[in-house]
Amino acid sequence: MKKISKIVISAVMCMAMLLATGCQSSVAQTQEPESVISQTSTAVETPVQEEESGTRTVSTVMGDIEVPVNPQRVVVNWYIGEVLATGLNVVGYYCWAQESMPFYDQMMAATKIENWQQEEVMALDPDLIITYSKDDFETFSKVAPVFILDEENISSLERSRIIGEATGTLATAEKNIATFETNLANAKEILRSEAFEGKTFSIMEDWGSTGEWSGLSYETGSRGGTLVYRYLGLRYPDKLMELIESTGEGRGTLSYEVAHEYFGDYILWCRQEGTESEYAKTDIWQSIPAVAEGRVLEIPGKYQGMFYYDDVLSLTAQLDYLVDALNALVS
């Protein structure tokens, strides 16, 4: 951050940037409902007699369940990053893995679950199953305690805290959260510099000119959207904001013909592994101000995994990458 720090010192400080709302599915999700947070973050009860018996009672969306005081064999699906951020031992995971994920080595030490079914999960002899789907409660409750967390109404940081409270690993979760929040504060100082004052940011990926998902996809949650819009508080381009508000969708695709109208002052340009962008070869790409003026932060396909999830470990890695990319652009 040293290069941009010089810019911060010499630039005129602007007013604090407006917080944007880049949740995974909609711009309207600015914060978790208080009712959800108050219910979940205070849900763990730990009476002495339960501690001695080796379990504690945890309130979940499926009611009170008994979980081990010190889980040793955890199986998880989508929340792999949140679980690993608490330091729990994962013996099986059902989700995509890619080498640039900050916890990839830990994933490789566990077993990849090919089919999210009772028999395959049972074979791993878990003492706790952590998932997002209420349907999993009936499917797996005879295998091990099933701890279900709402995917939409709780932030990724809060999910790690809740898992930590429920499993006695809160201190580890808080340590990782504190690291992210410190780095986030430093990054926000950088983004108050003259180079970024009042600028808009868009996250785009080229899906090609043909096929079911053809065109350029825009994103506000995955691919770094949670970090960029929710935590860093960066702005959408006005036209993109209008589109999101009219459709209620935080992601979608734009045709090659109109996509240039939705680019911001800075572009996070996500590349697909093993393919070239057709759109980037067109004349219209070269005419986009952010492209012509060198304000494109490219995310190569080999880093797709880093930007795939929005858990605290992934967010921290994304933030480091983003700051380095910004350094390169303004140095």
Protein backbone atom coordinates (compact mmCIF):
# COMPACT_ATOMS: atom_id res chain seq x y z
CA MET A 1 0.00 0.00 0.00
CA LYS A 2 2.98 2.32 0.19
CA LYS A 3 2.63 3.76 -3.31
CA ILE A 4 -0.99 4.74 -2.86
CA SER A 5 -0.32 5.99 0.67
CA LYS A 6 1.75 8.77 -0.88
CA ILE A 7 -1.25 9.69 -2.97
CA VAL A 8 -3.42 9.70 0.11
CA ILE A 9 -1.06 12.11 1.89
CA SER A 10 -0.79 14.50 -1.02
CA ALA A 11 -4.40 14.40 -2.16
CA VAL A 12 -7.21 16.52 -0.83
CA MET A 13 -9.28 14.31 1.45
CA CYS A 14 -12.87 14.02 0.35
CA MET A 15 -15.97 13.36 2.36
CA ALA A 16 -16.54 9.73 3.39
CA MET A 17 -17.72 7.60 0.55
CA LEU A 18 -21.33 6.47 0.55
CA LEU A 19 -21.86 2.91 1.59
CA ALA A 20 -23.12 0.82 -1.27
CA THR A 21 -25.07 -2.36 -0.90
CA GLY A 22 -23.51 -5.10 -2.98
CA CYS A 23 -25.15 -8.15 -1.44
CA GLN A 24 -25.14 -11.32 -3.44
CA SER A 25 -28.55 -11.06 -4.97
CA SER A 26 -29.88 -7.53 -4.61
CA VAL A 27 -28.84 -3.93 -4.06
CA ALA A 28 -31.63 -3.62 -1.53
CA GLN A 29 -29.86 -5.74 1.09
CA THR A 30 -27.98 -3.12 3.06
CA GLN A 31 -27.83 -4.91 6.37
CA GLU A 32 -29.13 -7.95 8.15
CA PRO A 33 -32.56 -7.58 9.75
CA GLU A 34 -32.15 -6.95 13.46
CA SER A 35 -34.54 -9.77 14.27
CA VAL A 36 -32.30 -12.30 12.51
CA ILE A 37 -29.10 -11.09 14.09
CA SER A 38 -30.48 -10.86 17.61
CA GLN A 39 -31.98 -14.31 17.34
CA THR A 40 -28.92 -16.03 15.93
CA SER A 41 -25.98 -14.26 17.52
CA THR A 42 -27.29 -14.88 21.05
CA ALA A 43 -28.53 -18.36 20.34
CA VAL A 44 -25.91 -20.49 22.06
CA GLU A 45 -26.63 -21.63 25.58
CA THR A 46 -23.87 -23.35 27.53
CA PRO A 47 -25.03 -24.50 30.99
CA VAL A 48 -22.38 -26.28 33.06
CA GLN A 49 -24.22 -29.59 33.04
CA GLU A 50 -24.32 -29.59 29.22
CA GLU A 51 -20.63 -28.76 28.98
CA GLU A 52 -19.89 -31.78 31.16
CA SER A 53 -22.04 -34.06 29.00
CA GLY A 54 -20.17 -32.97 25.87
CA THR A 55 -22.97 -31.08 24.13
CA ARG A 56 -24.49 -27.63 24.12
CA THR A 57 -27.92 -26.43 23.03
CA VAL A 58 -28.03 -24.18 19.99
CA SER A 59 -31.12 -22.40 18.67
CA THR A 60 -31.46 -22.61 14.90
CA VAL A 61 -34.09 -21.99 12.23
CA MET A 62 -35.10 -25.62 12.77
CA GLY A 63 -35.42 -25.23 16.54
CA ASP A 64 -33.04 -26.17 19.34
CA ILE A 65 -30.44 -28.80 18.52
CA GLU A 66 -27.65 -30.44 20.48
CA VAL A 67 -24.15 -30.00 19.07
CA PRO A 68 -20.80 -31.29 20.37
CA VAL A 69 -18.91 -28.90 22.62
CA ASN A 70 -15.76 -29.60 20.63
CA PRO A 71 -16.69 -30.88 17.16
CA GLN A 72 -13.92 -32.99 15.66
CA ARG A 73 -15.37 -34.14 12.34
CA VAL A 74 -17.31 -31.46 10.48
CA VAL A 75 -18.98 -31.85 7.09
CA VAL A 76 -19.96 -28.67 5.23
CA ASN A 77 -21.20 -27.54 1.84
CA TRP A 78 -21.43 -23.89 0.73
CA TYR A 79 -20.10 -22.48 4.02
CA ILE A 80 -16.65 -24.03 3.69
CA GLY A 81 -14.85 -20.69 4.17
CA GLU A 82 -16.94 -19.63 7.16
CA VAL A 83 -16.29 -22.97 8.86
CA LEU A 84 -12.54 -22.97 8.20
CA ALA A 85 -12.35 -19.39 9.50
CA THR A 86 -13.34 -20.75 12.91
CA GLY A 87 -10.56 -23.34 12.91
CA LEU A 88 -12.87 -26.36 12.89
CA ASN A 89 -11.63 -29.62 11.42
CA VAL A 90 -13.43 -30.30 8.15
CA VAL A 91 -13.46 -33.96 7.09
CA GLY A 92 -15.75 -33.52 4.09
CA TYR A 93 -16.94 -30.72 1.80
CA TYR A 94 -19.53 -30.45 -0.96
CA CYS A 95 -18.61 -27.42 -3.03
CA TRP A 96 -16.33 -26.21 -5.80
CA ALA A 97 -12.60 -26.02 -5.11
CA GLN A 98 -9.91 -24.06 -6.95
CA GLU A 99 -6.26 -23.49 -6.16
CA SER A 100 -6.51 -19.73 -5.59
CA MET A 101 -8.94 -20.16 -2.70
CA PRO A 102 -7.09 -19.05 0.45
CA PHE A 103 -8.08 -22.26 2.24
CA TYR A 104 -7.44 -24.61 -0.69
CA ASP A 105 -4.81 -26.71 1.12
CA GLN A 106 -7.20 -27.28 4.02
CA MET A 107 -9.89 -28.37 1.59
CA MET A 108 -7.52 -30.81 -0.05
CA ALA A 109 -6.83 -32.39 3.34
CA ALA A 110 -10.55 -33.23 3.55
CA THR A 111 -12.70 -35.49 1.37
CA LYS A 112 -14.60 -34.04 -1.56
CA ILE A 113 -18.21 -35.22 -1.42
CA GLU A 114 -19.40 -36.06 -4.92
CA ASN A 115 -23.07 -36.56 -4.09
CA TRP A 116 -24.75 -34.66 -1.26
CA GLN A 117 -26.59 -37.74 -0.06
CA GLN A 118 -26.99 -39.53 3.23
CA GLU A 119 -24.84 -42.54 2.42
CA GLU A 120 -21.80 -40.59 1.28
CA VAL A 121 -21.96 -38.15 4.19
CA MET A 122 -22.47 -40.97 6.70
CA ALA A 123 -19.32 -42.70 5.45
CA LEU A 124 -17.28 -39.76 6.77
CA ASP A 125 -18.62 -40.31 10.31
CA PRO A 126 -19.25 -36.59 11.01
CA ASP A 127 -20.17 -35.28 14.43
CA LEU A 128 -21.59 -32.03 12.97
CA ILE A 129 -23.05 -31.05 9.58
CA ILE A 130 -23.20 -27.35 8.65
CA THR A 131 -25.39 -26.29 5.74
CA TYR A 132 -27.71 -23.57 4.40
CA SER A 133 -30.71 -25.65 3.27
CA LYS A 134 -33.62 -26.52 5.55
CA ASP A 135 -34.20 -29.61 3.40
CA ASP A 136 -30.90 -31.01 4.69
CA PHE A 137 -32.28 -31.25 8.23
CA GLU A 138 -34.56 -34.17 7.45
CA THR A 139 -32.01 -35.77 5.12
CA PHE A 140 -29.06 -35.77 7.51
CA SER A 141 -30.39 -35.42 11.08
CA LYS A 142 -30.05 -39.17 11.64
CA VAL A 143 -26.38 -38.99 10.62
CA ALA A 144 -25.25 -36.12 12.89
CA PRO A 145 -26.54 -32.80 14.29
CA VAL A 146 -27.45 -30.51 11.39
CA PHE A 147 -26.68 -26.84 11.96
CA ILE A 148 -28.51 -24.70 9.40
CA LEU A 149 -27.67 -21.04 8.72
CA ASP A 150 -29.72 -18.70 6.59
CA GLU A 151 -27.84 -17.77 3.43
CA GLU A 152 -29.65 -14.54 2.56
CA ASN A 153 -30.28 -12.71 5.83
CA ILE A 154 -26.93 -13.06 7.58
CA SER A 155 -23.61 -11.62 6.42
CA SER A 156 -20.62 -13.87 5.94
CA LEU A 157 -18.81 -12.27 8.89
CA GLU A 158 -21.79 -12.87 11.14
CA ARG A 159 -22.05 -16.47 9.96
CA SER A 160 -18.50 -17.14 11.14
CA ARG A 161 -19.34 -15.58 14.50
CA ILE A 162 -22.47 -17.72 14.87
CA ILE A 163 -20.61 -20.90 13.95
CA GLY A 164 -17.85 -19.93 16.39
CA GLU A 165 -20.33 -19.37 19.20
CA ALA A 166 -22.07 -22.65 18.54
CA THR A 167 -18.86 -24.70 18.44
CA GLY A 168 -16.64 -22.97 20.99
CA THR A 169 -14.32 -21.51 18.34
CA LEU A 170 -15.42 -17.88 18.49
CA ALA A 171 -11.95 -16.58 19.41
CA THR A 172 -10.48 -17.92 16.15
CA ALA A 173 -13.34 -16.50 14.13
CA GLU A 174 -12.97 -13.08 15.75
CA LYS A 175 -9.23 -13.06 15.07
CA ASN A 176 -9.81 -13.58 11.35
CA ILE A 177 -12.59 -10.99 11.30
CA ALA A 178 -10.35 -8.46 13.07
CA THR A 179 -7.61 -8.98 10.46
CA PHE A 180 -10.08 -8.30 7.66
CA GLU A 181 -11.54 -5.23 9.35
CA THR A 182 -8.07 -3.73 9.90
CA ASN A 183 -7.14 -4.24 6.26
CA LEU A 184 -10.53 -2.90 5.21
CA ALA A 185 -10.02 0.33 7.16
CA ASN A 186 -6.63 0.83 5.50
CA ALA A 187 -8.12 0.22 2.06
CA LYS A 188 -10.89 2.76 2.69
CA GLU A 189 -8.26 5.39 3.43
CA ILE A 190 -6.66 4.63 0.08
CA LEU A 191 -9.98 4.97 -1.72
CA ARG A 192 -10.51 8.44 -0.29
CA SER A 193 -7.67 9.75 -2.43
CA GLU A 194 -8.18 12.07 -5.37
CA ALA A 195 -7.63 9.24 -7.86
CA PHE A 196 -10.78 7.47 -6.66
CA GLU A 197 -12.95 10.31 -5.38
CA GLY A 198 -16.51 9.97 -6.68
CA LYS A 199 -15.59 7.17 -9.07
CA THR A 200 -17.88 4.25 -9.94
CA PHE A 201 -16.94 0.59 -10.16
CA SER A 202 -18.40 -2.24 -12.21
CA ILE A 203 -17.72 -5.98 -12.11
CA MET A 204 -18.06 -7.62 -15.52
CA GLU A 205 -17.33 -10.96 -17.17
CA ASP A 206 -17.62 -11.96 -20.83
CA TRP A 207 -19.72 -15.07 -21.50
CA GLY A 208 -19.29 -14.91 -25.26
CA SER A 209 -21.52 -13.80 -28.09
CA THR A 210 -23.61 -16.98 -28.35
CA GLY A 211 -25.23 -19.49 -26.04
CA GLU A 212 -27.78 -19.41 -23.23
CA TRP A 213 -25.67 -17.07 -21.07
CA SER A 214 -24.25 -14.95 -23.87
CA GLY A 215 -23.21 -11.34 -23.38
CA LEU A 216 -21.47 -9.59 -20.50
CA SER A 217 -22.53 -10.55 -17.00
CA TYR A 218 -22.64 -7.94 -14.26
CA GLU A 219 -22.26 -8.88 -10.62
CA THR A 220 -22.87 -7.28 -7.23
CA GLY A 221 -22.38 -10.24 -4.88
CA SER A 222 -20.03 -12.92 -6.16
CA ARG A 223 -16.77 -12.19 -8.00
CA GLY A 224 -15.78 -9.64 -5.36
CA GLY A 225 -19.13 -7.82 -5.36
CA THR A 226 -19.71 -8.22 -1.63
CA LEU A 227 -16.29 -6.72 -0.91
CA VAL A 228 -16.50 -3.90 -3.46
CA TYR A 229 -20.02 -2.67 -2.82
CA ARG A 230 -20.93 -3.81 0.67
CA TYR A 231 -17.73 -3.52 2.65
CA LEU A 232 -15.71 -0.95 0.70
CA GLY A 233 -18.85 1.07 -0.04
CA LEU A 234 -17.94 1.76 -3.66
CA ARG A 235 -20.58 3.05 -6.09
CA TYR A 236 -22.35 1.40 -8.97
CA PRO A 237 -22.51 3.24 -12.30
CA ASP A 238 -25.81 5.14 -12.34
CA LYS A 239 -27.24 3.19 -15.26
CA LEU A 240 -26.35 -0.12 -13.61
CA MET A 241 -28.00 1.06 -10.41
CA GLU A 242 -31.16 1.85 -12.34
CA LEU A 243 -31.12 -1.62 -13.89
CA ILE A 244 -30.66 -3.34 -10.54
CA GLU A 245 -33.43 -1.31 -8.93
CA SER A 246 -35.85 -1.98 -11.80
CA THR A 247 -35.21 -5.73 -11.94
CA GLY A 248 -34.47 -6.40 -8.28
CA GLU A 249 -31.58 -8.58 -9.41
CA GLY A 250 -27.98 -8.08 -8.36
CA ARG A 251 -26.65 -10.08 -11.30
CA GLY A 252 -27.59 -10.52 -14.93
CA THR A 253 -26.31 -10.34 -18.49
CA LEU A 254 -26.08 -7.50 -20.99
CA SER A 255 -25.86 -7.82 -24.75
CA TYR A 256 -22.67 -6.78 -26.51
CA GLU A 257 -24.61 -3.95 -28.15
CA VAL A 258 -25.59 -2.15 -24.93
CA ALA A 259 -23.02 -3.35 -22.38
CA HIS A 260 -20.75 -0.31 -22.85
CA GLU A 261 -23.45 1.90 -21.29
CA TYR A 262 -23.10 0.11 -17.95
CA PHE A 263 -19.36 0.30 -17.35
CA GLY A 264 -18.06 2.36 -14.45
CA ASP A 265 -15.00 4.57 -14.10
CA TYR A 266 -13.12 1.47 -12.94
CA ILE A 267 -13.73 -2.07 -14.18
CA LEU A 268 -13.10 -5.32 -12.35
CA TRP A 269 -12.73 -7.48 -15.43
CA CYS A 270 -13.20 -11.16 -14.55
CA ARG A 271 -11.65 -13.56 -17.01
CA GLN A 272 -12.70 -17.15 -17.59
CA GLU A 273 -9.96 -19.72 -17.38
CA GLY A 274 -8.77 -21.05 -20.72
CA THR A 275 -10.79 -18.66 -22.88
CA GLU A 276 -10.27 -15.28 -24.51
CA SER A 277 -12.82 -12.48 -24.37
CA GLU A 278 -14.57 -11.86 -27.67
CA TYR A 279 -15.82 -8.52 -26.40
CA ALA A 280 -12.32 -7.31 -25.55
CA LYS A 281 -11.41 -7.71 -29.24
CA THR A 282 -14.11 -5.32 -30.44
CA ASP A 283 -13.69 -1.65 -31.29
CA ILE A 284 -16.33 -0.72 -28.74
CA TRP A 285 -14.20 -2.17 -25.92
CA GLN A 286 -11.34 0.14 -26.84
CA SER A 287 -13.72 3.12 -26.80
CA ILE A 288 -14.86 2.57 -23.20
CA PRO A 289 -13.26 5.37 -21.07
CA ALA A 290 -12.08 3.00 -18.32
CA VAL A 291 -10.32 0.88 -20.94
CA ALA A 292 -8.86 3.78 -22.90
CA GLU A 293 -7.55 5.40 -19.73
CA GLY A 294 -6.11 2.24 -18.16
CA ARG A 295 -8.54 1.75 -15.30
CA VAL A 296 -9.20 -1.97 -15.75
CA LEU A 297 -8.44 -4.28 -12.82
CA GLU A 298 -8.14 -7.67 -14.47
CA ILE A 299 -8.88 -10.81 -12.50
CA PRO A 300 -7.35 -13.71 -14.44
CA GLY A 301 -9.23 -16.99 -14.63
CA LYS A 302 -6.70 -18.67 -12.34
CA TYR A 303 -7.97 -16.43 -9.53
CA GLN A 304 -11.64 -17.31 -9.95
CA GLY A 305 -11.56 -19.31 -6.75
CA MET A 306 -10.30 -16.36 -4.71
CA PHE A 307 -13.30 -14.30 -5.78
CA TYR A 308 -15.87 -17.10 -5.65
CA TYR A 309 -16.95 -16.96 -2.01
CA ASP A 310 -17.55 -14.05 0.39
CA ASP A 311 -16.38 -15.61 3.67
CA VAL A 312 -13.93 -13.62 5.78
CA LEU A 313 -10.87 -15.52 4.52
CA SER A 314 -11.84 -14.98 0.87
CA LEU A 315 -12.70 -11.33 1.51
CA THR A 316 -9.28 -10.75 3.05
CA ALA A 317 -7.52 -12.32 0.06
CA GLN A 318 -9.69 -10.34 -2.37
CA LEU A 319 -8.89 -7.12 -0.55
CA ASP A 320 -5.15 -7.73 -0.79
CA TYR A 321 -5.47 -8.42 -4.51
CA LEU A 322 -7.58 -5.33 -5.09
CA VAL A 323 -5.19 -3.02 -3.26
CA ASP A 324 -2.22 -4.37 -5.21
CA ALA A 325 -4.15 -3.89 -8.47
CA LEU A 326 -5.01 -0.32 -7.56
CA ASN A 327 -1.37 0.33 -6.73
CA ALA A 328 -0.42 -0.89 -10.18
CA LEU A 329 -2.98 1.36 -11.86
CA VAL A 330 -2.01 4.65 -10.21
CA SER A 331 1.74 4.16 -9.77
